Every structure is written in structure tokens, then in C-alpha cells.
């Protein structure tokens, strides 16, 4: 899957979200999207990194401590 394909999926989902609002004002769209994407992103990356937080953090381009905090926040580790 290319970055272009991911972009198209996000655009299509957001387009449908706004259509579903039927004119109602959206609130907290940024937070909603980050919350929806972050947990599965972390879960999949950790799977492919075989649980190696240092490797996963490097792949994600974030600090390992930041990754650990996010994993705890999303209850992906204890």
C-alpha cells in the first residue's frame, strides 16, 4: 500500500464523515482522527517489530519513551 493509497482512504473516510453530518457542525475532528488511527498504527507496528519497542520507535520516528507512553495509554502493554 502506497502513501497515496493511505491518503485516498483517509480522504474518502473524511468525506463520508462530513456527508454523514448532514450540515451539522463538526467538533474535534483532529483529535477524532488521531485517536482512530494511533492505536491500530501502534498495534500493527509493534506486531511487525515483534514487540521490540526500540525498533518500533525507530520505524515510527519517535522516542522510545514516547512510544512506551502511547502503548500504555492505549492499553497495548501493561
PDB file of N, CA and C in Angstrom:
ATOM      1  N   UNK A   1       0.863  -1.172   0.000  1.00  0.00           N
ATOM      2  CA  UNK A   1       0.000   0.000   0.000  1.00  0.00           C
ATOM      3  C   UNK A   1       0.903   1.227   0.000  1.00  0.00           C
ATOM      4  N   UNK A   2       0.653   2.114  -0.896  1.00  0.00           N
ATOM      5  CA  UNK A   2       1.467   3.318  -1.001  1.00  0.00           C
ATOM      6  C   UNK A   2       0.901   4.441  -0.141  1.00  0.00           C
ATOM      7  N   UNK A   3       1.743   5.426   0.063  1.00  0.00           N
ATOM      8  CA  UNK A   3       1.292   6.609   0.814  1.00  0.00           C
ATOM      9  C   UNK A   3       0.084   7.248   0.129  1.00  0.00           C
ATOM     10  N   UNK A   4       0.076   7.222  -1.203  1.00  0.00           N
ATOM     11  CA  UNK A   4      -1.046   7.792  -1.957  1.00  0.00           C
ATOM     12  C   UNK A   4      -2.340   7.043  -1.634  1.00  0.00           C
ATOM     13  N   UNK A   5      -2.254   5.718  -1.528  1.00  0.00           N
ATOM     14  CA  UNK A   5      -3.442   4.916  -1.222  1.00  0.00           C
ATOM     15  C   UNK A   5      -3.965   5.234   0.183  1.00  0.00           C
ATOM     16  N   UNK A   6      -3.053   5.355   1.143  1.00  0.00           N
ATOM     17  CA  UNK A   6      -3.453   5.707   2.511  1.00  0.00           C
ATOM     18  C   UNK A   6      -4.138   7.071   2.515  1.00  0.00           C
ATOM     19  N   UNK A   7      -3.544   8.027   1.792  1.00  0.00           N
ATOM     20  CA  UNK A   7      -4.127   9.370   1.684  1.00  0.00           C
ATOM     21  C   UNK A   7      -5.542   9.296   1.111  1.00  0.00           C
ATOM     22  N   UNK A   8      -5.726   8.489   0.063  1.00  0.00           N
ATOM     23  CA  UNK A   8      -7.046   8.350  -0.559  1.00  0.00           C
ATOM     24  C   UNK A   8      -8.060   7.737   0.410  1.00  0.00           C
ATOM     25  N   UNK A   9      -7.633   6.765   1.198  1.00  0.00           N
ATOM     26  CA  UNK A   9      -8.526   6.141   2.194  1.00  0.00           C
ATOM     27  C   UNK A   9      -8.966   7.155   3.250  1.00  0.00           C
ATOM     28  N   UNK A  10      -8.022   7.949   3.712  1.00  0.00           N
ATOM     29  CA  UNK A  10      -8.339   8.963   4.722  1.00  0.00           C
ATOM     30  C   UNK A  10      -9.289  10.000   4.150  1.00  0.00           C
ATOM     31  N   UNK A  11      -8.994  10.464   2.941  1.00  0.00           N
ATOM     32  CA  UNK A  11      -9.870  11.463   2.302  1.00  0.00           C
ATOM     33  C   UNK A  11     -11.284  10.923   2.112  1.00  0.00           C
ATOM     34  N   UNK A  12     -11.394   9.677   1.656  1.00  0.00           N
ATOM     35  CA  UNK A  12     -12.718   9.083   1.446  1.00  0.00           C
ATOM     36  C   UNK A  12     -13.472   8.949   2.766  1.00  0.00           C
ATOM     37  N   UNK A  13     -12.780   8.543   3.815  1.00  0.00           N
ATOM     38  CA  UNK A  13     -13.415   8.406   5.128  1.00  0.00           C
ATOM     39  C   UNK A  13     -13.881   9.753   5.658  1.00  0.00           C
ATOM     40  N   UNK A  14     -13.035  10.764   5.520  1.00  0.00           N
ATOM     41  CA  UNK A  14     -13.421  12.098   5.983  1.00  0.00           C
ATOM     42  C   UNK A  14     -14.575  12.669   5.165  1.00  0.00           C
ATOM     43  N   UNK A  15     -14.545  12.435   3.863  1.00  0.00           N
ATOM     44  CA  UNK A  15     -15.635  12.901   3.007  1.00  0.00           C
ATOM     45  C   UNK A  15     -16.952  12.277   3.461  1.00  0.00           C
ATOM     46  N   UNK A  16     -16.926  10.977   3.747  1.00  0.00           N
ATOM     47  CA  UNK A  16     -18.140  10.304   4.219  1.00  0.00           C
ATOM     48  C   UNK A  16     -18.573  10.835   5.587  1.00  0.00           C
ATOM     49  N   UNK A  17     -17.601  11.106   6.465  1.00  0.00           N
ATOM     50  CA  UNK A  17     -17.899  11.659   7.790  1.00  0.00           C
ATOM     51  C   UNK A  17     -18.663  12.976   7.654  1.00  0.00           C
ATOM     52  N   UNK A  18     -18.157  13.869   6.798  1.00  0.00           N
ATOM     53  CA  UNK A  18     -18.818  15.167   6.629  1.00  0.00           C
ATOM     54  C   UNK A  18     -20.190  15.016   5.980  1.00  0.00           C
ATOM     55  N   UNK A  19     -20.331  14.091   5.057  1.00  0.00           N
ATOM     56  CA  UNK A  19     -21.652  13.836   4.460  1.00  0.00           C
ATOM     57  C   UNK A  19     -22.630  13.327   5.510  1.00  0.00           C
ATOM     58  N   UNK A  20     -22.142  12.432   6.389  1.00  0.00           N
ATOM     59  CA  UNK A  20     -22.994  11.869   7.430  1.00  0.00           C
ATOM     60  C   UNK A  20     -23.458  12.922   8.433  1.00  0.00           C
ATOM     61  N   UNK A  21     -22.710  14.004   8.560  1.00  0.00           N
ATOM     62  CA  UNK A  21     -23.110  15.077   9.480  1.00  0.00           C
ATOM     63  C   UNK A  21     -24.355  15.809   8.998  1.00  0.00           C
ATOM     64  N   UNK A  22     -24.616  15.746   7.692  1.00  0.00           N
ATOM     65  CA  UNK A  22     -25.786  16.395   7.080  1.00  0.00           C
ATOM     66  C   UNK A  22     -25.935  17.850   7.518  1.00  0.00           C
ATOM     67  N   UNK A  23     -24.812  18.582   7.429  1.00  0.00           N
ATOM     68  CA  UNK A  23     -24.841  20.014   7.730  1.00  0.00           C
ATOM     69  C   UNK A  23     -24.537  20.373   9.170  1.00  0.00           C
ATOM     70  N   UNK A  24     -24.524  19.409  10.058  1.00  0.00           N
ATOM     71  CA  UNK A  24     -24.182  19.696  11.461  1.00  0.00           C
ATOM     72  C   UNK A  24     -22.711  20.088  11.540  1.00  0.00           C
ATOM     73  N   UNK A  25     -22.388  20.944  12.488  1.00  0.00           N
ATOM     74  CA  UNK A  25     -21.014  21.407  12.669  1.00  0.00           C
ATOM     75  C   UNK A  25     -20.156  20.304  13.294  1.00  0.00           C
ATOM     76  N   UNK A  26     -18.999  20.017  12.701  1.00  0.00           N
ATOM     77  CA  UNK A  26     -18.106  19.025  13.303  1.00  0.00           C
ATOM     78  C   UNK A  26     -17.353  19.630  14.486  1.00  0.00           C
ATOM     79  N   UNK A  27     -16.930  18.792  15.396  1.00  0.00           N
ATOM     80  CA  UNK A  27     -16.155  19.238  16.557  1.00  0.00           C
ATOM     81  C   UNK A  27     -15.046  18.228  16.827  1.00  0.00           C
ATOM     82  N   UNK A  28     -13.851  18.724  17.062  1.00  0.00           N
ATOM     83  CA  UNK A  28     -12.734  17.868  17.445  1.00  0.00           C
ATOM     84  C   UNK A  28     -12.319  16.872  16.380  1.00  0.00           C
ATOM     85  N   UNK A  29     -12.351  17.277  15.121  1.00  0.00           N
ATOM     86  CA  UNK A  29     -12.035  16.362  14.030  1.00  0.00           C
ATOM     87  C   UNK A  29     -10.588  15.860  14.127  1.00  0.00           C
ATOM     88  N   UNK A  30      -9.662  16.757  14.429  1.00  0.00           N
ATOM     89  CA  UNK A  30      -8.254  16.353  14.525  1.00  0.00           C
ATOM     90  C   UNK A  30      -8.081  15.281  15.584  1.00  0.00           C
ATOM     91  N   UNK A  31      -8.590  15.514  16.759  1.00  0.00           N
ATOM     92  CA  UNK A  31      -8.483  14.563  17.856  1.00  0.00           C
ATOM     93  C   UNK A  31      -9.159  13.236  17.499  1.00  0.00           C
ATOM     94  N   UNK A  32     -10.309  13.310  16.851  1.00  0.00           N
ATOM     95  CA  UNK A  32     -11.036  12.112  16.460  1.00  0.00           C
ATOM     96  C   UNK A  32     -10.189  11.247  15.522  1.00  0.00           C
ATOM     97  N   UNK A  33      -9.554  11.873  14.548  1.00  0.00           N
ATOM     98  CA  UNK A  33      -8.749  11.138  13.575  1.00  0.00           C
ATOM     99  C   UNK A  33      -7.501  10.553  14.234  1.00  0.00           C
ATOM    100  N   UNK A  34      -6.813  11.351  15.043  1.00  0.00           N
ATOM    101  CA  UNK A  34      -5.609  10.857  15.719  1.00  0.00           C
ATOM    102  C   UNK A  34      -5.968   9.674  16.613  1.00  0.00           C
ATOM    103  N   UNK A  35      -7.050   9.790  17.369  1.00  0.00           N
ATOM    104  CA  UNK A  35      -7.482   8.701  18.248  1.00  0.00           C
ATOM    105  C   UNK A  35      -7.826   7.441  17.447  1.00  0.00           C
ATOM    106  N   UNK A  36      -8.455   7.609  16.286  1.00  0.00           N
ATOM    107  CA  UNK A  36      -8.865   6.469  15.478  1.00  0.00           C
ATOM    108  C   UNK A  36      -7.682   5.773  14.813  1.00  0.00           C
ATOM    109  N   UNK A  37      -6.641   6.530  14.496  1.00  0.00           N
ATOM    110  CA  UNK A  37      -5.506   5.993  13.738  1.00  0.00           C
ATOM    111  C   UNK A  37      -4.384   5.495  14.644  1.00  0.00           C
ATOM    112  N   UNK A  38      -4.143   6.166  15.757  1.00  0.00           N
ATOM    113  CA  UNK A  38      -2.952   5.884  16.549  1.00  0.00           C
ATOM    114  C   UNK A  38      -2.914   4.469  17.124  1.00  0.00           C
ATOM    115  N   UNK A  39      -3.987   4.006  17.711  1.00  0.00           N
ATOM    116  CA  UNK A  39      -3.963   2.678  18.340  1.00  0.00           C
ATOM    117  C   UNK A  39      -3.694   1.569  17.325  1.00  0.00           C
ATOM    118  N   UNK A  40      -4.429   1.499  16.206  1.00  0.00           N
ATOM    119  CA  UNK A  40      -4.115   0.440  15.251  1.00  0.00           C
ATOM    120  C   UNK A  40      -2.717   0.599  14.639  1.00  0.00           C
ATOM    121  N   UNK A  41      -2.267   1.821  14.456  1.00  0.00           N
ATOM    122  CA  UNK A  41      -0.918   2.062  13.952  1.00  0.00           C
ATOM    123  C   UNK A  41       0.113   1.448  14.890  1.00  0.00           C
ATOM    124  N   UNK A  42      -0.003   1.762  16.173  1.00  0.00           N
ATOM    125  CA  UNK A  42       0.938   1.236  17.158  1.00  0.00           C
ATOM    126  C   UNK A  42       0.853  -0.282  17.249  1.00  0.00           C
ATOM    127  N   UNK A  43      -0.346  -0.812  17.225  1.00  0.00           N
ATOM    128  CA  UNK A  43      -0.544  -2.252  17.336  1.00  0.00           C
ATOM    129  C   UNK A  43       0.111  -2.990  16.167  1.00  0.00           C
ATOM    130  N   UNK A  44      -0.103  -2.513  14.959  1.00  0.00           N
ATOM    131  CA  UNK A  44       0.460  -3.166  13.775  1.00  0.00           C
ATOM    132  C   UNK A  44       1.980  -3.034  13.743  1.00  0.00           C
ATOM    133  N   UNK A  45       2.490  -1.837  14.040  1.00  0.00           N
ATOM    134  CA  UNK A  45       3.941  -1.642  14.032  1.00  0.00           C
ATOM    135  C   UNK A  45       4.603  -2.526  15.086  1.00  0.00           C
ATOM    136  N   UNK A  46       4.007  -2.601  16.273  1.00  0.00           N
ATOM    137  CA  UNK A  46       4.578  -3.468  17.308  1.00  0.00           C
ATOM    138  C   UNK A  46       4.560  -4.935  16.878  1.00  0.00           C
ATOM    139  N   UNK A  47       3.527  -5.334  16.177  1.00  0.00           N
ATOM    140  CA  UNK A  47       3.467  -6.707  15.671  1.00  0.00           C
ATOM    141  C   UNK A  47       4.635  -6.973  14.724  1.00  0.00           C
ATOM    142  N   UNK A  48       4.833  -6.084  13.743  1.00  0.00           N
ATOM    143  CA  UNK A  48       5.900  -6.284  12.759  1.00  0.00           C
ATOM    144  C   UNK A  48       7.284  -6.086  13.356  1.00  0.00           C
ATOM    145  N   UNK A  49       7.386  -5.322  14.423  1.00  0.00           N
ATOM    146  CA  UNK A  49       8.663  -5.155  15.127  1.00  0.00           C
ATOM    147  C   UNK A  49       8.866  -6.274  16.153  1.00  0.00           C
ATOM    148  N   UNK A  50       7.936  -7.225  16.176  1.00  0.00           N
ATOM    149  CA  UNK A  50       7.991  -8.382  17.072  1.00  0.00           C
ATOM    150  C   UNK A  50       8.148  -7.974  18.535  1.00  0.00           C
ATOM    151  N   UNK A  51       7.416  -6.898  18.909  1.00  0.00           N
ATOM    152  CA  UNK A  51       7.419  -6.435  20.290  1.00  0.00           C
ATOM    153  C   UNK A  51       8.630  -5.608  20.678  1.00  0.00           C
ATOM    154  N   UNK A  52       9.546  -5.376  19.759  1.00  0.00           N
ATOM    155  CA  UNK A  52      10.761  -4.615  20.050  1.00  0.00           C
ATOM    156  C   UNK A  52      10.434  -3.122  20.003  1.00  0.00           C
ATOM    157  N   UNK A  53      10.333  -2.512  21.190  1.00  0.00           N
ATOM    158  CA  UNK A  53       9.942  -1.106  21.267  1.00  0.00           C
ATOM    159  C   UNK A  53      10.974  -0.176  20.645  1.00  0.00           C
ATOM    160  N   UNK A  54      12.242  -0.490  20.779  1.00  0.00           N
ATOM    161  CA  UNK A  54      13.276   0.362  20.183  1.00  0.00           C
ATOM    162  C   UNK A  54      13.158   0.372  18.665  1.00  0.00           C
ATOM    163  N   UNK A  55      12.955  -0.810  18.091  1.00  0.00           N
ATOM    164  CA  UNK A  55      12.795  -0.917  16.640  1.00  0.00           C
ATOM    165  C   UNK A  55      11.526  -0.195  16.188  1.00  0.00           C
ATOM    166  N   UNK A  56      10.428  -0.423  16.898  1.00  0.00           N
ATOM    167  CA  UNK A  56       9.155   0.211  16.546  1.00  0.00           C
ATOM    168  C   UNK A  56       9.258   1.729  16.637  1.00  0.00           C
ATOM    169  N   UNK A  57       9.898   2.225  17.688  1.00  0.00           N
ATOM    170  CA  UNK A  57      10.060   3.671  17.842  1.00  0.00           C
ATOM    171  C   UNK A  57      10.868   4.244  16.686  1.00  0.00           C
ATOM    172  N   UNK A  58      11.913   3.532  16.287  1.00  0.00           N
ATOM    173  CA  UNK A  58      12.728   3.987  15.161  1.00  0.00           C
ATOM    174  C   UNK A  58      11.894   4.032  13.882  1.00  0.00           C
ATOM    175  N   UNK A  59      11.125   2.982  13.642  1.00  0.00           N
ATOM    176  CA  UNK A  59      10.272   2.938  12.455  1.00  0.00           C
ATOM    177  C   UNK A  59       9.261   4.076  12.450  1.00  0.00           C
ATOM    178  N   UNK A  60       8.728   4.397  13.636  1.00  0.00           N
ATOM    179  CA  UNK A  60       7.721   5.451  13.755  1.00  0.00           C
ATOM    180  C   UNK A  60       8.329   6.850  13.763  1.00  0.00           C
ATOM    181  N   UNK A  61       9.635   6.917  14.015  1.00  0.00           N
ATOM    182  CA  UNK A  61      10.296   8.222  14.070  1.00  0.00           C
ATOM    183  C   UNK A  61       9.997   8.962  15.362  1.00  0.00           C
ATOM    184  N   UNK A  62       9.785   8.198  16.445  1.00  0.00           N
ATOM    185  CA  UNK A  62       9.528   8.813  17.745  1.00  0.00           C
ATOM    186  C   UNK A  62      10.478   8.224  18.778  1.00  0.00           C
ATOM    187  N   UNK A  63      10.593   8.884  19.903  1.00  0.00           N
ATOM    188  CA  UNK A  63      11.422   8.430  21.011  1.00  0.00           C
ATOM    189  C   UNK A  63      10.808   7.169  21.631  1.00  0.00           C
ATOM    190  N   UNK A  64      11.653   6.250  22.092  1.00  0.00           N
ATOM    191  CA  UNK A  64      11.142   5.011  22.684  1.00  0.00           C
ATOM    192  C   UNK A  64      10.280   5.273  23.911  1.00  0.00           C
ATOM    193  N   UNK A  65      10.650   6.287  24.711  1.00  0.00           N
ATOM    194  CA  UNK A  65       9.835   6.618  25.884  1.00  0.00           C
ATOM    195  C   UNK A  65       8.455   7.131  25.473  1.00  0.00           C
ATOM    196  N   UNK A  66       8.413   7.891  24.393  1.00  0.00           N
ATOM    197  CA  UNK A  66       7.133   8.375  23.872  1.00  0.00           C
ATOM    198  C   UNK A  66       6.289   7.200  23.399  1.00  0.00           C
ATOM    199  N   UNK A  67       6.919   6.264  22.695  1.00  0.00           N
ATOM    200  CA  UNK A  67       6.206   5.072  22.243  1.00  0.00           C
ATOM    201  C   UNK A  67       5.653   4.299  23.436  1.00  0.00           C
ATOM    202  N   UNK A  68       6.471   4.103  24.442  1.00  0.00           N
ATOM    203  CA  UNK A  68       6.038   3.357  25.629  1.00  0.00           C
ATOM    204  C   UNK A  68       4.828   4.022  26.280  1.00  0.00           C
ATOM    205  N   UNK A  69       4.862   5.347  26.403  1.00  0.00           N
ATOM    206  CA  UNK A  69       3.731   6.078  26.989  1.00  0.00           C
ATOM    207  C   UNK A  69       2.471   5.882  26.161  1.00  0.00           C
ATOM    208  N   UNK A  70       2.611   5.962  24.831  1.00  0.00           N
ATOM    209  CA  UNK A  70       1.461   5.784  23.958  1.00  0.00           C
ATOM    210  C   UNK A  70       0.919   4.351  24.038  1.00  0.00           C
ATOM    211  N   UNK A  71       1.816   3.380  24.122  1.00  0.00           N
ATOM    212  CA  UNK A  71       1.385   1.982  24.258  1.00  0.00           C
ATOM    213  C   UNK A  71       0.611   1.783  25.557  1.00  0.00           C
ATOM    214  N   UNK A  72       1.088   2.400  26.627  1.00  0.00           N
ATOM    215  CA  UNK A  72       0.377   2.330  27.905  1.00  0.00           C
ATOM    216  C   UNK A  72      -0.971   3.044  27.820  1.00  0.00           C
ATOM    217  N   UNK A  73      -0.983   4.238  27.219  1.00  0.00           N
ATOM    218  CA  UNK A  73      -2.231   4.998  27.078  1.00  0.00           C
ATOM    219  C   UNK A  73      -3.301   4.210  26.338  1.00  0.00           C
ATOM    220  N   UNK A  74      -2.869   3.457  25.315  1.00  0.00           N
ATOM    221  CA  UNK A  74      -3.815   2.687  24.505  1.00  0.00           C
ATOM    222  C   UNK A  74      -4.008   1.261  25.025  1.00  0.00           C
ATOM    223  N   UNK A  75      -3.408   0.994  26.199  1.00  0.00           N
ATOM    224  CA  UNK A  75      -3.526  -0.330  26.835  1.00  0.00           C
ATOM    225  C   UNK A  75      -3.039  -1.460  25.927  1.00  0.00           C
ATOM    226  N   UNK A  76      -1.968  -1.176  25.188  1.00  0.00           N
ATOM    227  CA  UNK A  76      -1.364  -2.187  24.336  1.00  0.00           C
ATOM    228  C   UNK A  76      -0.249  -2.939  25.059  1.00  0.00           C
ATOM    229  N   UNK A  77       0.173  -2.406  26.219  1.00  0.00           N
ATOM    230  CA  UNK A  77       1.101  -3.099  27.113  1.00  0.00           C
ATOM    231  C   UNK A  77       0.655  -2.817  28.534  1.00  0.00           C
ATOM    232  N   UNK A  78       1.202  -3.596  29.458  1.00  0.00           N
ATOM    233  CA  UNK A  78       0.878  -3.390  30.883  1.00  0.00           C
ATOM    234  C   UNK A  78       2.001  -2.666  31.564  1.00  0.00           C
TER     235      UNK A  78
END
